[in-house]
Amino acid sequence: MAGNVDGYQFDNIKISAENDAKMYHALARKRSYVISGYEQGLELSSSGLDVRVASGSAIIQGRMVYVKEAQSITLPANSSGYVCLTIDLNESVIPTDDFPADSENYSWTNNQVRLEAVNHLINGNTLAGDRVVTFPLCSYTTSGTTAIITKNTTNYNDSLIESLPLWTGILTMNTSHIIRLSKKFEDLNSGLLLIWAPYANGSAWNYDFTTQFLPKRAGLHVSQILNSSSNWINKRIQVDYSSNSIRGHGGNVSSEGLKAVLREIREV
């Protein structure tokens, strides 16, 4: 190591599973998701009390989990819970023979991952010292003989461009309006996309949207948007990094300003 500088993707370097996972987690925009188009995409079906999970793979906190062949789980009767891929770092990966790890004949049994039904989720962070995390593929409720499953569509969405909204609502963004985001500014990719819509007769329009980019290092930001009178107006947004929120401004409640509202915030 040259001074305090080191790296992992270099010749003769030993990379730990945790450091490798941190890199892939960052490349995946810090999301966990099922990889679409990979084998059968972990598709779900049920019959009686059995849930079948098809082959496929998911990235969970930077670790790739692979279901090699379709697998069925029998759910307990008269219950509710989740079918999950679980990472449990309290367990071990056990070599199945005496070949060295760098041999092409090396094989192993990985007890640190499993497909299972659970009553409660464990929202651990294995990249920050936690040992267990559950990744729900679906929720379920059962009677004595049948199961109803509800697919976790969020975890099956691997789009990194069309991310889920960080906030939705209808606000004019006056001084009393404060939106605390579900993601820290420092963790954003490049910033936020503010989606505005005209507002008239007590209703927000679902068309004529105006989008404005808010950089992650903005202070007082002015969005120029189209209101219900088809006039361009300014909407002022104040970023508050200490509370991870954006705040409205008194100038947003003019007669023209009241004819437009903030509808959605997305990461870009």
Protein backbone atom coordinates (compact mmCIF):
# COMPACT_ATOMS: atom_id res chain seq x y z
CA MET A 1 0.00 0.00 0.00
CA ALA A 2 1.34 3.43 -0.98
CA GLY A 3 0.79 5.53 2.12
CA ASN A 4 -2.92 5.52 2.98
CA VAL A 5 -4.06 4.71 -0.56
CA ASP A 6 -5.17 1.22 -1.51
CA GLY A 7 -7.52 -0.44 -3.98
CA TYR A 8 -9.26 -3.74 -4.54
CA GLN A 9 -9.55 -4.37 -8.29
CA PHE A 10 -5.78 -4.69 -8.79
CA ASP A 11 -3.24 -7.47 -9.31
CA ASN A 12 -2.52 -9.81 -6.38
CA ILE A 13 -5.17 -8.16 -4.17
CA LYS A 14 -7.42 -10.22 -1.91
CA ILE A 15 -10.98 -8.84 -1.94
CA SER A 16 -13.38 -9.58 0.90
CA ALA A 17 -17.01 -10.42 0.16
CA GLU A 18 -18.08 -7.31 2.09
CA ASN A 19 -15.89 -4.95 0.06
CA ASP A 20 -17.06 -6.54 -3.18
CA ALA A 21 -20.68 -6.13 -2.04
CA LYS A 22 -20.13 -2.46 -1.25
CA MET A 23 -18.97 -1.82 -4.80
CA TYR A 24 -21.91 -3.65 -6.39
CA HIS A 25 -24.35 -1.96 -4.00
CA ALA A 26 -23.08 1.44 -5.18
CA LEU A 27 -23.31 0.41 -8.84
CA ALA A 28 -26.89 -0.71 -8.23
CA ARG A 29 -27.76 2.79 -6.94
CA LYS A 30 -27.96 1.36 -3.40
CA ARG A 31 -31.03 -0.68 -4.32
CA SER A 32 -31.88 -4.34 -3.88
CA TYR A 33 -33.94 -5.95 -6.63
CA VAL A 34 -34.71 -9.04 -8.70
CA ILE A 35 -32.73 -9.04 -11.95
CA SER A 36 -35.26 -9.08 -14.79
CA GLY A 37 -34.62 -11.39 -17.73
CA TYR A 38 -32.25 -13.60 -15.72
CA GLU A 39 -33.46 -17.17 -16.25
CA GLN A 40 -37.12 -17.21 -15.10
CA GLY A 41 -36.89 -14.00 -13.08
CA LEU A 42 -37.93 -15.56 -9.71
CA GLU A 43 -41.54 -15.60 -10.91
CA LEU A 44 -44.13 -16.76 -8.37
CA SER A 45 -47.11 -19.09 -8.46
CA SER A 46 -49.19 -20.87 -5.82
CA SER A 47 -51.23 -24.03 -5.50
CA GLY A 48 -52.95 -24.92 -2.26
CA LEU A 49 -50.51 -23.99 0.50
CA ASP A 50 -47.47 -24.27 -1.77
CA VAL A 51 -45.67 -21.28 -3.29
CA ARG A 52 -43.36 -21.97 -6.21
CA VAL A 53 -40.41 -19.65 -6.89
CA ALA A 54 -38.89 -20.03 -10.36
CA SER A 55 -35.16 -19.84 -11.05
CA GLY A 56 -33.54 -16.45 -11.16
CA SER A 57 -31.36 -14.02 -9.29
CA ALA A 58 -31.51 -10.92 -7.10
CA ILE A 59 -28.99 -8.34 -5.98
CA ILE A 60 -29.46 -7.87 -2.23
CA GLN A 61 -27.30 -5.18 -0.61
CA GLY A 62 -24.65 -5.78 -3.26
CA ARG A 63 -24.66 -9.58 -3.00
CA MET A 64 -25.95 -11.72 -5.87
CA VAL A 65 -28.33 -14.46 -4.69
CA TYR A 66 -29.10 -17.20 -7.21
CA VAL A 67 -32.00 -19.66 -7.16
CA LYS A 68 -30.64 -22.32 -9.51
CA GLU A 69 -33.84 -24.31 -10.02
CA ALA A 70 -37.52 -23.76 -9.25
CA GLN A 71 -38.23 -24.33 -5.58
CA SER A 72 -41.49 -24.77 -3.64
CA ILE A 73 -42.25 -23.76 -0.07
CA THR A 74 -45.20 -25.08 1.90
CA LEU A 75 -46.75 -22.27 3.94
CA PRO A 76 -48.28 -22.78 7.38
CA ALA A 77 -52.07 -22.87 7.42
CA ASN A 78 -54.13 -20.00 8.86
CA SER A 79 -51.24 -17.55 8.98
CA SER A 80 -49.70 -14.57 7.26
CA GLY A 81 -46.17 -13.54 6.45
CA TYR A 82 -43.64 -13.24 3.64
CA VAL A 83 -41.73 -15.46 1.24
CA CYS A 84 -38.17 -14.13 1.35
CA LEU A 85 -34.65 -14.57 0.22
CA THR A 86 -32.69 -14.27 3.47
CA ILE A 87 -29.04 -13.38 3.91
CA ASP A 88 -27.78 -14.68 7.26
CA LEU A 89 -24.09 -14.01 7.85
CA ASN A 90 -24.25 -15.85 11.18
CA GLU A 91 -24.17 -19.06 9.14
CA SER A 92 -21.19 -20.42 7.21
CA VAL A 93 -20.05 -21.24 3.69
CA ILE A 94 -18.63 -24.75 3.88
CA PRO A 95 -16.23 -26.24 1.31
CA THR A 96 -17.50 -29.63 0.16
CA ASP A 97 -14.06 -31.09 -0.62
CA ASP A 98 -10.36 -30.53 -0.06
CA PHE A 99 -9.63 -28.59 -3.24
CA PRO A 100 -8.11 -25.12 -2.70
CA ALA A 101 -10.37 -22.12 -3.23
CA ASP A 102 -8.57 -21.10 -6.42
CA SER A 103 -9.00 -24.54 -7.99
CA GLU A 104 -11.56 -25.06 -10.76
CA ASN A 105 -12.74 -28.14 -8.84
CA TYR A 106 -13.55 -26.15 -5.70
CA SER A 107 -17.19 -26.40 -4.55
CA TRP A 108 -19.11 -25.28 -1.52
CA THR A 109 -22.38 -25.28 0.40
CA ASN A 110 -23.61 -21.75 1.10
CA ASN A 111 -25.66 -21.67 4.30
CA GLN A 112 -25.62 -17.86 4.36
CA VAL A 113 -28.52 -17.60 1.89
CA ARG A 114 -31.88 -19.33 1.92
CA LEU A 115 -35.40 -19.14 0.53
CA GLU A 116 -37.96 -19.27 3.33
CA ALA A 117 -41.32 -18.16 4.69
CA VAL A 118 -41.16 -15.77 7.65
CA ASN A 119 -43.72 -14.07 9.88
CA HIS A 120 -41.75 -10.83 10.25
CA LEU A 121 -39.17 -9.02 8.12
CA ILE A 122 -35.67 -8.17 9.34
CA ASN A 123 -34.57 -4.87 7.80
CA GLY A 124 -30.87 -5.27 8.54
CA ASN A 125 -28.00 -3.59 6.73
CA THR A 126 -25.27 -6.16 6.10
CA LEU A 127 -22.99 -3.41 4.79
CA ALA A 128 -23.08 -1.64 8.15
CA GLY A 129 -22.46 -4.54 10.52
CA ASP A 130 -25.85 -6.25 10.66
CA ARG A 131 -25.81 -9.99 10.13
CA VAL A 132 -29.29 -10.72 8.78
CA VAL A 133 -31.60 -9.15 6.18
CA THR A 134 -34.78 -10.48 4.60
CA PHE A 135 -35.70 -9.62 1.00
CA PRO A 136 -39.45 -10.21 0.47
CA LEU A 137 -40.57 -11.63 -2.87
CA CYS A 138 -44.22 -11.61 -1.80
CA SER A 139 -46.52 -11.44 1.19
CA TYR A 140 -49.08 -14.15 1.88
CA THR A 141 -52.17 -15.02 3.85
CA THR A 142 -53.39 -18.60 4.19
CA SER A 143 -56.56 -20.40 5.17
CA GLY A 144 -56.56 -24.03 6.13
CA THR A 145 -56.01 -25.16 2.55
CA THR A 146 -55.07 -22.26 0.26
CA ALA A 147 -52.68 -19.33 0.04
CA ILE A 148 -53.17 -15.86 -1.39
CA ILE A 149 -49.87 -14.26 -2.41
CA THR A 150 -49.18 -10.62 -3.27
CA LYS A 151 -46.02 -10.01 -5.28
CA ASN A 152 -43.68 -7.30 -3.99
CA THR A 153 -43.59 -5.34 -7.25
CA THR A 154 -41.08 -2.82 -5.87
CA ASN A 155 -38.48 -5.55 -5.42
CA TYR A 156 -39.17 -6.82 -8.94
CA ASN A 157 -38.48 -3.41 -10.49
CA ASP A 158 -34.83 -3.29 -11.55
CA SER A 159 -35.06 -0.04 -13.51
CA LEU A 160 -32.30 2.32 -12.39
CA ILE A 161 -33.55 5.19 -14.53
CA GLU A 162 -37.25 5.14 -13.70
CA SER A 163 -36.85 5.00 -9.93
CA LEU A 164 -39.79 5.09 -7.55
CA PRO A 165 -40.93 8.53 -6.31
CA LEU A 166 -39.34 9.85 -3.14
CA TRP A 167 -42.52 11.86 -2.47
CA THR A 168 -45.99 12.34 -3.96
CA GLY A 169 -48.74 14.76 -3.02
CA ILE A 170 -50.39 18.10 -3.88
CA LEU A 171 -48.73 21.19 -2.37
CA THR A 172 -48.46 24.83 -3.40
CA MET A 173 -45.20 24.89 -1.39
CA ASN A 174 -45.94 27.85 0.84
CA THR A 175 -43.88 28.63 3.95
CA SER A 176 -45.64 25.97 6.07
CA HIS A 177 -45.01 23.17 3.57
CA ILE A 178 -42.02 21.00 4.49
CA ILE A 179 -41.24 17.75 2.66
CA ARG A 180 -38.84 15.40 4.45
CA LEU A 181 -37.38 13.09 1.87
CA SER A 182 -37.06 9.33 2.23
CA LYS A 183 -33.45 9.49 0.98
CA LYS A 184 -30.57 11.67 2.17
CA PHE A 185 -29.33 14.40 -0.16
CA GLU A 186 -25.79 13.04 0.11
CA ASP A 187 -27.00 9.65 -1.20
CA LEU A 188 -28.71 11.07 -4.30
CA ASN A 189 -27.18 10.32 -7.68
CA SER A 190 -27.17 13.88 -9.05
CA GLY A 191 -30.27 15.56 -7.66
CA LEU A 192 -34.07 15.66 -7.70
CA LEU A 193 -36.69 16.03 -10.39
CA LEU A 194 -39.58 18.25 -9.25
CA ILE A 195 -42.82 17.52 -11.10
CA TRP A 196 -45.40 20.33 -11.06
CA ALA A 197 -48.95 20.45 -12.38
CA PRO A 198 -51.58 23.17 -12.88
CA TYR A 199 -54.23 23.53 -10.16
CA ALA A 200 -57.75 24.89 -10.76
CA ASN A 201 -61.26 24.53 -9.34
CA GLY A 202 -60.00 22.58 -6.35
CA SER A 203 -58.22 19.90 -8.40
CA ALA A 204 -54.69 19.20 -9.57
CA TRP A 205 -54.38 18.39 -13.25
CA ASN A 206 -53.01 15.04 -14.39
CA TYR A 207 -51.52 16.51 -17.56
CA ASP A 208 -49.48 19.55 -18.66
CA PHE A 209 -46.76 18.57 -16.18
CA THR A 210 -43.70 20.76 -15.87
CA THR A 211 -40.45 19.21 -14.63
CA GLN A 212 -37.51 21.01 -13.07
CA PHE A 213 -34.13 19.68 -11.96
CA LEU A 214 -33.01 20.45 -8.40
CA PRO A 215 -29.26 19.82 -7.93
CA LYS A 216 -28.27 17.94 -4.79
CA ARG A 217 -26.18 20.94 -3.70
CA ALA A 218 -28.77 23.64 -4.34
CA GLY A 219 -29.65 26.35 -1.84
CA LEU A 220 -32.60 28.53 -2.80
CA HIS A 221 -33.83 27.13 -6.10
CA VAL A 222 -36.33 28.72 -8.47
CA SER A 223 -38.47 26.51 -10.72
CA GLN A 224 -40.17 28.16 -13.69
CA ILE A 225 -43.43 26.31 -14.27
CA LEU A 226 -46.66 26.59 -16.21
CA ASN A 227 -49.82 27.23 -14.18
CA SER A 228 -53.50 26.72 -14.96
CA SER A 229 -53.68 30.09 -16.72
CA SER A 230 -50.95 28.93 -19.11
CA ASN A 231 -48.62 31.51 -17.64
CA TRP A 232 -45.02 30.87 -16.66
CA ILE A 233 -44.40 31.61 -12.99
CA ASN A 234 -41.58 31.11 -10.50
CA LYS A 235 -41.82 28.65 -7.64
CA ARG A 236 -39.16 28.97 -4.93
CA ILE A 237 -37.79 25.92 -3.10
CA GLN A 238 -35.39 26.05 -0.13
CA VAL A 239 -33.16 23.03 0.58
CA ASP A 240 -32.51 22.25 4.25
CA TYR A 241 -29.66 19.76 4.54
CA SER A 242 -29.76 19.54 8.33
CA SER A 243 -33.28 18.05 8.29
CA ASN A 244 -33.01 16.41 4.86
CA SER A 245 -36.01 18.35 3.60
CA ILE A 246 -37.17 20.93 1.12
CA ARG A 247 -39.31 23.88 2.20
CA GLY A 248 -41.72 26.21 0.49
CA HIS A 249 -41.51 29.99 0.18
CA GLY A 250 -43.90 32.88 0.82
CA GLY A 251 -43.61 33.99 -2.79
CA ASN A 252 -45.36 30.81 -3.93
CA VAL A 253 -48.81 31.91 -2.78
CA SER A 254 -49.43 34.78 -5.17
CA SER A 255 -52.68 34.68 -7.16
CA GLU A 256 -50.83 33.03 -10.04
CA GLY A 257 -48.69 30.83 -7.83
CA LEU A 258 -51.76 29.20 -6.30
CA LYS A 259 -52.67 27.88 -9.74
CA ALA A 260 -49.81 25.33 -9.71
CA VAL A 261 -48.84 22.60 -7.26
CA LEU A 262 -45.97 20.19 -6.66
CA ARG A 263 -47.11 16.62 -7.42
CA GLU A 264 -44.05 14.41 -7.22
CA ILE A 265 -40.32 14.26 -6.43
CA ARG A 266 -38.02 11.73 -8.08
CA GLU A 267 -34.32 11.02 -7.91
CA VAL A 268 -32.24 11.55 -11.04
